[in-house]
Amino acid sequence: YLRNDPDWKDEVVYWGPMGCLTGFYLILK
């Protein structure tokens, strides 16, 4: 979804789970 969003896709560096399984990390430019 994030890498296809027309307003955000060029800003997304990474989306992935936390090792503790309580959430995610999102890295943006």
PDB file of all heavy atoms in Angstrom:
ATOM      1  N   TYR A   1       0.832  -1.199   0.000  1.00  0.00           N
ATOM      2  CA  TYR A   1       0.000   0.000   0.000  1.00  0.00           C
ATOM      3  C   TYR A   1       0.876   1.262   0.000  1.00  0.00           C
ATOM      4  O   TYR A   1       0.688   2.164  -0.816  1.00  0.00           O
ATOM      5  CB  TYR A   1      -0.931   0.006   1.218  1.00  0.00           C
ATOM      6  CG  TYR A   1      -1.789   1.235   1.305  1.00  0.00           C
ATOM      7  CD1 TYR A   1      -3.045   1.254   0.718  1.00  0.00           C
ATOM      8  CD2 TYR A   1      -1.354   2.390   1.951  1.00  0.00           C
ATOM      9  CE1 TYR A   1      -3.844   2.392   0.780  1.00  0.00           C
ATOM     10  CE2 TYR A   1      -2.136   3.529   2.011  1.00  0.00           C
ATOM     11  CZ  TYR A   1      -3.381   3.521   1.423  1.00  0.00           C
ATOM     12  OH  TYR A   1      -4.162   4.652   1.468  1.00  0.00           O
ATOM     13  N   LEU A   2       1.828   1.319   0.922  1.00  0.00           N
ATOM     14  CA  LEU A   2       2.667   2.518   1.055  1.00  0.00           C
ATOM     15  C   LEU A   2       3.483   2.780  -0.201  1.00  0.00           C
ATOM     16  O   LEU A   2       3.638   3.927  -0.626  1.00  0.00           O
ATOM     17  CB  LEU A   2       3.598   2.381   2.254  1.00  0.00           C
ATOM     18  CG  LEU A   2       2.932   2.335   3.631  1.00  0.00           C
ATOM     19  CD1 LEU A   2       3.957   2.007   4.707  1.00  0.00           C
ATOM     20  CD2 LEU A   2       2.209   3.638   3.933  1.00  0.00           C
ATOM     21  N   ARG A   3       4.004   1.723  -0.798  1.00  0.00           N
ATOM     22  CA  ARG A   3       4.867   1.891  -1.968  1.00  0.00           C
ATOM     23  C   ARG A   3       4.074   2.126  -3.248  1.00  0.00           C
ATOM     24  O   ARG A   3       4.660   2.335  -4.315  1.00  0.00           O
ATOM     25  CB  ARG A   3       5.791   0.690  -2.103  1.00  0.00           C
ATOM     26  CG  ARG A   3       6.831   0.687  -0.994  1.00  0.00           C
ATOM     27  CD  ARG A   3       7.903  -0.344  -1.206  1.00  0.00           C
ATOM     28  NE  ARG A   3       8.945  -0.197  -0.210  1.00  0.00           N
ATOM     29  CZ  ARG A   3       9.083  -0.988   0.844  1.00  0.00           C
ATOM     30  NH1 ARG A   3       8.255  -1.986   1.040  1.00  0.00           N
ATOM     31  NH2 ARG A   3      10.076  -0.786   1.693  1.00  0.00           N
ATOM     32  N   ASN A   4       2.748   2.095  -3.134  1.00  0.00           N
ATOM     33  CA  ASN A   4       1.894   2.407  -4.273  1.00  0.00           C
ATOM     34  C   ASN A   4       1.087   3.691  -4.072  1.00  0.00           C
ATOM     35  O   ASN A   4       0.393   4.119  -4.992  1.00  0.00           O
ATOM     36  CB  ASN A   4       0.945   1.239  -4.571  1.00  0.00           C
ATOM     37  CG  ASN A   4       1.655   0.128  -5.301  1.00  0.00           C
ATOM     38  OD1 ASN A   4       1.853   0.198  -6.506  1.00  0.00           O
ATOM     39  ND2 ASN A   4       2.065  -0.894  -4.573  1.00  0.00           N
ATOM     40  N   ASP A   5       1.149   4.275  -2.896  1.00  0.00           N
ATOM     41  CA  ASP A   5       0.417   5.509  -2.644  1.00  0.00           C
ATOM     42  C   ASP A   5       1.053   6.632  -3.468  1.00  0.00           C
ATOM     43  O   ASP A   5       2.242   6.919  -3.312  1.00  0.00           O
ATOM     44  CB  ASP A   5       0.455   5.868  -1.157  1.00  0.00           C
ATOM     45  CG  ASP A   5      -0.385   7.085  -0.858  1.00  0.00           C
ATOM     46  OD1 ASP A   5       0.087   8.210  -1.132  1.00  0.00           O
ATOM     47  OD2 ASP A   5      -1.508   6.925  -0.359  1.00  0.00           O
ATOM     48  N   PRO A   6       0.294   7.278  -4.346  1.00  0.00           N
ATOM     49  CA  PRO A   6       0.886   8.278  -5.251  1.00  0.00           C
ATOM     50  C   PRO A   6       1.534   9.458  -4.539  1.00  0.00           C
ATOM     51  O   PRO A   6       2.497  10.035  -5.046  1.00  0.00           O
ATOM     52  CB  PRO A   6      -0.288   8.731  -6.120  1.00  0.00           C
ATOM     53  CG  PRO A   6      -1.517   8.258  -5.441  1.00  0.00           C
ATOM     54  CD  PRO A   6      -1.146   7.114  -4.563  1.00  0.00           C
ATOM     55  N   ASP A   7       1.065   9.818  -3.352  1.00  0.00           N
ATOM     56  CA  ASP A   7       1.619  10.965  -2.635  1.00  0.00           C
ATOM     57  C   ASP A   7       2.812  10.607  -1.753  1.00  0.00           C
ATOM     58  O   ASP A   7       3.559  11.498  -1.343  1.00  0.00           O
ATOM     59  CB  ASP A   7       0.542  11.610  -1.764  1.00  0.00           C
ATOM     60  CG  ASP A   7      -0.593  12.174  -2.602  1.00  0.00           C
ATOM     61  OD1 ASP A   7      -0.333  12.673  -3.717  1.00  0.00           O
ATOM     62  OD2 ASP A   7      -1.749  12.109  -2.145  1.00  0.00           O
ATOM     63  N   TRP A   8       3.009   9.333  -1.451  1.00  0.00           N
ATOM     64  CA  TRP A   8       4.022   8.938  -0.486  1.00  0.00           C
ATOM     65  C   TRP A   8       5.056   7.956  -1.015  1.00  0.00           C
ATOM     66  O   TRP A   8       6.110   7.790  -0.402  1.00  0.00           O
ATOM     67  CB  TRP A   8       3.358   8.327   0.750  1.00  0.00           C
ATOM     68  CG  TRP A   8       2.642   9.338   1.577  1.00  0.00           C
ATOM     69  CD1 TRP A   8       1.342   9.721   1.445  1.00  0.00           C
ATOM     70  CD2 TRP A   8       3.174  10.101   2.652  1.00  0.00           C
ATOM     71  NE1 TRP A   8       1.030  10.679   2.377  1.00  0.00           N
ATOM     72  CE2 TRP A   8       2.141  10.926   3.129  1.00  0.00           C
ATOM     73  CE3 TRP A   8       4.418  10.162   3.253  1.00  0.00           C
ATOM     74  CZ2 TRP A   8       2.331  11.806   4.196  1.00  0.00           C
ATOM     75  CZ3 TRP A   8       4.600  11.030   4.315  1.00  0.00           C
ATOM     76  CH2 TRP A   8       3.557  11.842   4.774  1.00  0.00           C
ATOM     77  N   LYS A   9       4.785   7.275  -2.118  1.00  0.00           N
ATOM     78  CA  LYS A   9       5.640   6.163  -2.550  1.00  0.00           C
ATOM     79  C   LYS A   9       7.105   6.550  -2.739  1.00  0.00           C
ATOM     80  O   LYS A   9       7.984   5.737  -2.473  1.00  0.00           O
ATOM     81  CB  LYS A   9       5.087   5.511  -3.814  1.00  0.00           C
ATOM     82  CG  LYS A   9       5.124   6.389  -5.044  1.00  0.00           C
ATOM     83  CD  LYS A   9       4.518   5.661  -6.219  1.00  0.00           C
ATOM     84  CE  LYS A   9       4.552   6.515  -7.458  1.00  0.00           C
ATOM     85  NZ  LYS A   9       3.965   5.804  -8.586  1.00  0.00           N
ATOM     86  N   ASP A  10       7.381   7.766  -3.142  1.00  0.00           N
ATOM     87  CA  ASP A  10       8.770   8.177  -3.341  1.00  0.00           C
ATOM     88  C   ASP A  10       9.473   8.528  -2.032  1.00  0.00           C
ATOM     89  O   ASP A  10      10.688   8.733  -2.015  1.00  0.00           O
ATOM     90  CB  ASP A  10       8.843   9.366  -4.298  1.00  0.00           C
ATOM     91  CG  ASP A  10       8.390   8.987  -5.698  1.00  0.00           C
ATOM     92  OD1 ASP A  10       8.537   7.804  -6.072  1.00  0.00           O
ATOM     93  OD2 ASP A  10       7.884   9.868  -6.417  1.00  0.00           O
ATOM     94  N   GLU A  11       8.725   8.589  -0.944  1.00  0.00           N
ATOM     95  CA  GLU A  11       9.289   8.915   0.372  1.00  0.00           C
ATOM     96  C   GLU A  11       9.579   7.667   1.197  1.00  0.00           C
ATOM     97  O   GLU A  11      10.344   7.724   2.158  1.00  0.00           O
ATOM     98  CB  GLU A  11       8.319   9.811   1.149  1.00  0.00           C
ATOM     99  CG  GLU A  11       7.884  11.061   0.403  1.00  0.00           C
ATOM    100  CD  GLU A  11       9.050  11.906  -0.070  1.00  0.00           C
ATOM    101  OE1 GLU A  11       9.968  12.165   0.725  1.00  0.00           O
ATOM    102  OE2 GLU A  11       9.062  12.294  -1.250  1.00  0.00           O
ATOM    103  N   VAL A  12       8.958   6.542   0.848  1.00  0.00           N
ATOM    104  CA  VAL A  12       9.072   5.324   1.658  1.00  0.00           C
ATOM    105  C   VAL A  12      10.426   4.655   1.425  1.00  0.00           C
ATOM    106  O   VAL A  12      10.788   4.341   0.296  1.00  0.00           O
ATOM    107  CB  VAL A  12       7.934   4.335   1.342  1.00  0.00           C
ATOM    108  CG1 VAL A  12       8.112   3.027   2.107  1.00  0.00           C
ATOM    109  CG2 VAL A  12       6.580   4.965   1.641  1.00  0.00           C
ATOM    110  N   VAL A  13      11.146   4.443   2.515  1.00  0.00           N
ATOM    111  CA  VAL A  13      12.407   3.716   2.484  1.00  0.00           C
ATOM    112  C   VAL A  13      12.183   2.286   2.974  1.00  0.00           C
ATOM    113  O   VAL A  13      12.689   1.331   2.397  1.00  0.00           O
ATOM    114  CB  VAL A  13      13.478   4.418   3.347  1.00  0.00           C
ATOM    115  CG1 VAL A  13      14.765   3.598   3.413  1.00  0.00           C
ATOM    116  CG2 VAL A  13      13.747   5.828   2.830  1.00  0.00           C
ATOM    117  N   TYR A  14      11.379   2.128   4.028  1.00  0.00           N
ATOM    118  CA  TYR A  14      11.232   0.813   4.645  1.00  0.00           C
ATOM    119  C   TYR A  14       9.952   0.743   5.462  1.00  0.00           C
ATOM    120  O   TYR A  14       9.570   1.711   6.123  1.00  0.00           O
ATOM    121  CB  TYR A  14      12.433   0.542   5.561  1.00  0.00           C
ATOM    122  CG  TYR A  14      12.342  -0.726   6.373  1.00  0.00           C
ATOM    123  CD1 TYR A  14      12.599  -1.973   5.800  1.00  0.00           C
ATOM    124  CD2 TYR A  14      12.001  -0.690   7.722  1.00  0.00           C
ATOM    125  CE1 TYR A  14      12.525  -3.137   6.551  1.00  0.00           C
ATOM    126  CE2 TYR A  14      11.923  -1.853   8.478  1.00  0.00           C
ATOM    127  CZ  TYR A  14      12.185  -3.073   7.882  1.00  0.00           C
ATOM    128  OH  TYR A  14      12.095  -4.223   8.615  1.00  0.00           O
ATOM    129  N   TRP A  15       9.310  -0.418   5.446  1.00  0.00           N
ATOM    130  CA  TRP A  15       8.204  -0.763   6.341  1.00  0.00           C
ATOM    131  C   TRP A  15       8.448  -2.186   6.809  1.00  0.00           C
ATOM    132  O   TRP A  15       8.581  -3.095   5.989  1.00  0.00           O
ATOM    133  CB  TRP A  15       6.861  -0.682   5.606  1.00  0.00           C
ATOM    134  CG  TRP A  15       5.719  -1.262   6.396  1.00  0.00           C
ATOM    135  CD1 TRP A  15       5.213  -2.523   6.295  1.00  0.00           C
ATOM    136  CD2 TRP A  15       4.946  -0.604   7.401  1.00  0.00           C
ATOM    137  NE1 TRP A  15       4.187  -2.693   7.181  1.00  0.00           N
ATOM    138  CE2 TRP A  15       3.997  -1.520   7.874  1.00  0.00           C
ATOM    139  CE3 TRP A  15       4.984   0.672   7.951  1.00  0.00           C
ATOM    140  CZ2 TRP A  15       3.080  -1.205   8.871  1.00  0.00           C
ATOM    141  CZ3 TRP A  15       4.065   0.989   8.942  1.00  0.00           C
ATOM    142  CH2 TRP A  15       3.123   0.059   9.391  1.00  0.00           C
ATOM    143  N   GLY A  16       8.538  -2.406   8.107  1.00  0.00           N
ATOM    144  CA  GLY A  16       8.768  -3.756   8.597  1.00  0.00           C
ATOM    145  C   GLY A  16       8.416  -3.912  10.054  1.00  0.00           C
ATOM    146  O   GLY A  16       8.289  -2.934  10.796  1.00  0.00           O
ATOM    147  N   PRO A  17       8.258  -5.160  10.497  1.00  0.00           N
ATOM    148  CA  PRO A  17       7.819  -5.441  11.869  1.00  0.00           C
ATOM    149  C   PRO A  17       8.912  -5.259  12.909  1.00  0.00           C
ATOM    150  O   PRO A  17      10.099  -5.417  12.622  1.00  0.00           O
ATOM    151  CB  PRO A  17       7.407  -6.912  11.805  1.00  0.00           C
ATOM    152  CG  PRO A  17       8.244  -7.482  10.718  1.00  0.00           C
ATOM    153  CD  PRO A  17       8.438  -6.381   9.714  1.00  0.00           C
ATOM    154  N   MET A  18       8.500  -4.928  14.111  1.00  0.00           N
ATOM    155  CA  MET A  18       9.402  -4.902  15.260  1.00  0.00           C
ATOM    156  C   MET A  18       9.608  -6.334  15.728  1.00  0.00           C
ATOM    157  O   MET A  18       8.676  -7.144  15.688  1.00  0.00           O
ATOM    158  CB  MET A  18       8.774  -4.108  16.413  1.00  0.00           C
ATOM    159  CG  MET A  18       8.599  -2.671  16.132  1.00  0.00           C
ATOM    160  SD  MET A  18       7.786  -1.888  17.544  1.00  0.00           S
ATOM    161  CE  MET A  18       7.833  -0.197  16.954  1.00  0.00           C
ATOM    162  N   GLY A  19      10.781  -6.617  16.224  1.00  0.00           N
ATOM    163  CA  GLY A  19      11.061  -7.948  16.741  1.00  0.00           C
ATOM    164  C   GLY A  19      10.165  -8.346  17.902  1.00  0.00           C
ATOM    165  O   GLY A  19       9.861  -9.515  18.094  1.00  0.00           O
ATOM    166  N   CYS A  20       9.703  -7.369  18.673  1.00  0.00           N
ATOM    167  CA  CYS A  20       8.849  -7.656  19.825  1.00  0.00           C
ATOM    168  C   CYS A  20       7.398  -7.919  19.435  1.00  0.00           C
ATOM    169  O   CYS A  20       6.576  -8.259  20.286  1.00  0.00           O
ATOM    170  CB  CYS A  20       8.918  -6.517  20.835  1.00  0.00           C
ATOM    171  SG  CYS A  20       8.291  -4.948  20.198  1.00  0.00           S
ATOM    172  N   LEU A  21       7.076  -7.741  18.162  1.00  0.00           N
ATOM    173  CA  LEU A  21       5.739  -8.004  17.621  1.00  0.00           C
ATOM    174  C   LEU A  21       4.648  -7.120  18.220  1.00  0.00           C
ATOM    175  O   LEU A  21       3.489  -7.505  18.315  1.00  0.00           O
ATOM    176  CB  LEU A  21       5.356  -9.482  17.777  1.00  0.00           C
ATOM    177  CG  LEU A  21       6.301 -10.481  17.103  1.00  0.00           C
ATOM    178  CD1 LEU A  21       5.885 -11.910  17.427  1.00  0.00           C
ATOM    179  CD2 LEU A  21       6.349 -10.266  15.608  1.00  0.00           C
ATOM    180  N   THR A  22       5.015  -5.888  18.595  1.00  0.00           N
ATOM    181  CA  THR A  22       4.019  -4.935  19.090  1.00  0.00           C
ATOM    182  C   THR A  22       3.754  -3.810  18.094  1.00  0.00           C
ATOM    183  O   THR A  22       2.907  -2.955  18.346  1.00  0.00           O
ATOM    184  CB  THR A  22       4.440  -4.322  20.442  1.00  0.00           C
ATOM    185  OG1 THR A  22       5.656  -3.609  20.271  1.00  0.00           O
ATOM    186  CG2 THR A  22       4.587  -5.393  21.514  1.00  0.00           C
ATOM    187  N   GLY A  23       4.473  -3.808  16.976  1.00  0.00           N
ATOM    188  CA  GLY A  23       4.275  -2.757  15.990  1.00  0.00           C
ATOM    189  C   GLY A  23       5.244  -2.867  14.836  1.00  0.00           C
ATOM    190  O   GLY A  23       5.861  -3.920  14.619  1.00  0.00           O
ATOM    191  N   PHE A  24       5.369  -1.762  14.108  1.00  0.00           N
ATOM    192  CA  PHE A  24       6.177  -1.712  12.895  1.00  0.00           C
ATOM    193  C   PHE A  24       7.084  -0.484  12.927  1.00  0.00           C
ATOM    194  O   PHE A  24       6.803   0.490  13.620  1.00  0.00           O
ATOM    195  CB  PHE A  24       5.274  -1.592  11.657  1.00  0.00           C
ATOM    196  CG  PHE A  24       4.450  -2.818  11.403  1.00  0.00           C
ATOM    197  CD1 PHE A  24       3.219  -2.976  12.006  1.00  0.00           C
ATOM    198  CD2 PHE A  24       4.914  -3.819  10.564  1.00  0.00           C
ATOM    199  CE1 PHE A  24       2.460  -4.119  11.782  1.00  0.00           C
ATOM    200  CE2 PHE A  24       4.161  -4.957  10.330  1.00  0.00           C
ATOM    201  CZ  PHE A  24       2.934  -5.113  10.937  1.00  0.00           C
ATOM    202  N   TYR A  25       8.118  -0.545  12.107  1.00  0.00           N
ATOM    203  CA  TYR A  25       8.936   0.632  11.837  1.00  0.00           C
ATOM    204  C   TYR A  25       8.652   1.093  10.420  1.00  0.00           C
ATOM    205  O   TYR A  25       8.574   0.280   9.499  1.00  0.00           O
ATOM    206  CB  TYR A  25      10.430   0.324  11.976  1.00  0.00           C
ATOM    207  CG  TYR A  25      10.862   0.155  13.399  1.00  0.00           C
ATOM    208  CD1 TYR A  25      11.293  -1.076  13.873  1.00  0.00           C
ATOM    209  CD2 TYR A  25      10.832   1.225  14.288  1.00  0.00           C
ATOM    210  CE1 TYR A  25      11.695  -1.229  15.191  1.00  0.00           C
ATOM    211  CE2 TYR A  25      11.226   1.077  15.611  1.00  0.00           C
ATOM    212  CZ  TYR A  25      11.654  -0.151  16.052  1.00  0.00           C
ATOM    213  OH  TYR A  25      12.034  -0.297  17.352  1.00  0.00           O
ATOM    214  N   LEU A  26       8.509   2.387  10.269  1.00  0.00           N
ATOM    215  CA  LEU A  26       8.354   3.024   8.964  1.00  0.00           C
ATOM    216  C   LEU A  26       9.499   4.024   8.844  1.00  0.00           C
ATOM    217  O   LEU A  26       9.668   4.881   9.720  1.00  0.00           O
ATOM    218  CB  LEU A  26       7.010   3.747   8.866  1.00  0.00           C
ATOM    219  CG  LEU A  26       6.788   4.618   7.629  1.00  0.00           C
ATOM    220  CD1 LEU A  26       6.846   3.784   6.347  1.00  0.00           C
ATOM    221  CD2 LEU A  26       5.457   5.357   7.743  1.00  0.00           C
ATOM    222  N   ILE A  27      10.286   3.887   7.797  1.00  0.00           N
ATOM    223  CA  ILE A  27      11.367   4.842   7.545  1.00  0.00           C
ATOM    224  C   ILE A  27      11.010   5.627   6.297  1.00  0.00           C
ATOM    225  O   ILE A  27      10.720   5.045   5.245  1.00  0.00           O
ATOM    226  CB  ILE A  27      12.725   4.127   7.378  1.00  0.00           C
ATOM    227  CG1 ILE A  27      13.045   3.302   8.630  1.00  0.00           C
ATOM    228  CG2 ILE A  27      13.826   5.155   7.096  1.00  0.00           C
ATOM    229  CD1 ILE A  27      14.301   2.461   8.513  1.00  0.00           C
ATOM    230  N   LEU A  28      11.017   6.951   6.446  1.00  0.00           N
ATOM    231  CA  LEU A  28      10.676   7.853   5.350  1.00  0.00           C
ATOM    232  C   LEU A  28      11.806   8.840   5.106  1.00  0.00           C
ATOM    233  O   LEU A  28      12.521   9.221   6.040  1.00  0.00           O
ATOM    234  CB  LEU A  28       9.413   8.661   5.676  1.00  0.00           C
ATOM    235  CG  LEU A  28       8.114   7.913   5.861  1.00  0.00           C
ATOM    236  CD1 LEU A  28       7.016   8.880   6.291  1.00  0.00           C
ATOM    237  CD2 LEU A  28       7.717   7.188   4.586  1.00  0.00           C
ATOM    238  N   LYS A  29      11.926   9.280   3.879  1.00  0.00           N
ATOM    239  CA  LYS A  29      12.808  10.396   3.571  1.00  0.00           C
ATOM    240  C   LYS A  29      12.210  11.642   4.215  1.00  0.00           C
ATOM    241  O   LYS A  29      10.992  11.791   4.295  1.00  0.00           O
ATOM    242  CB  LYS A  29      12.899  10.603   2.060  1.00  0.00           C
ATOM    243  CG  LYS A  29      13.531   9.443   1.320  1.00  0.00           C
ATOM    244  CD  LYS A  29      13.457   9.671  -0.172  1.00  0.00           C
ATOM    245  CE  LYS A  29      13.923   8.456  -0.936  1.00  0.00           C
ATOM    246  NZ  LYS A  29      13.699   8.601  -2.383  1.00  0.00           N
TER     247      LYS A  29
END
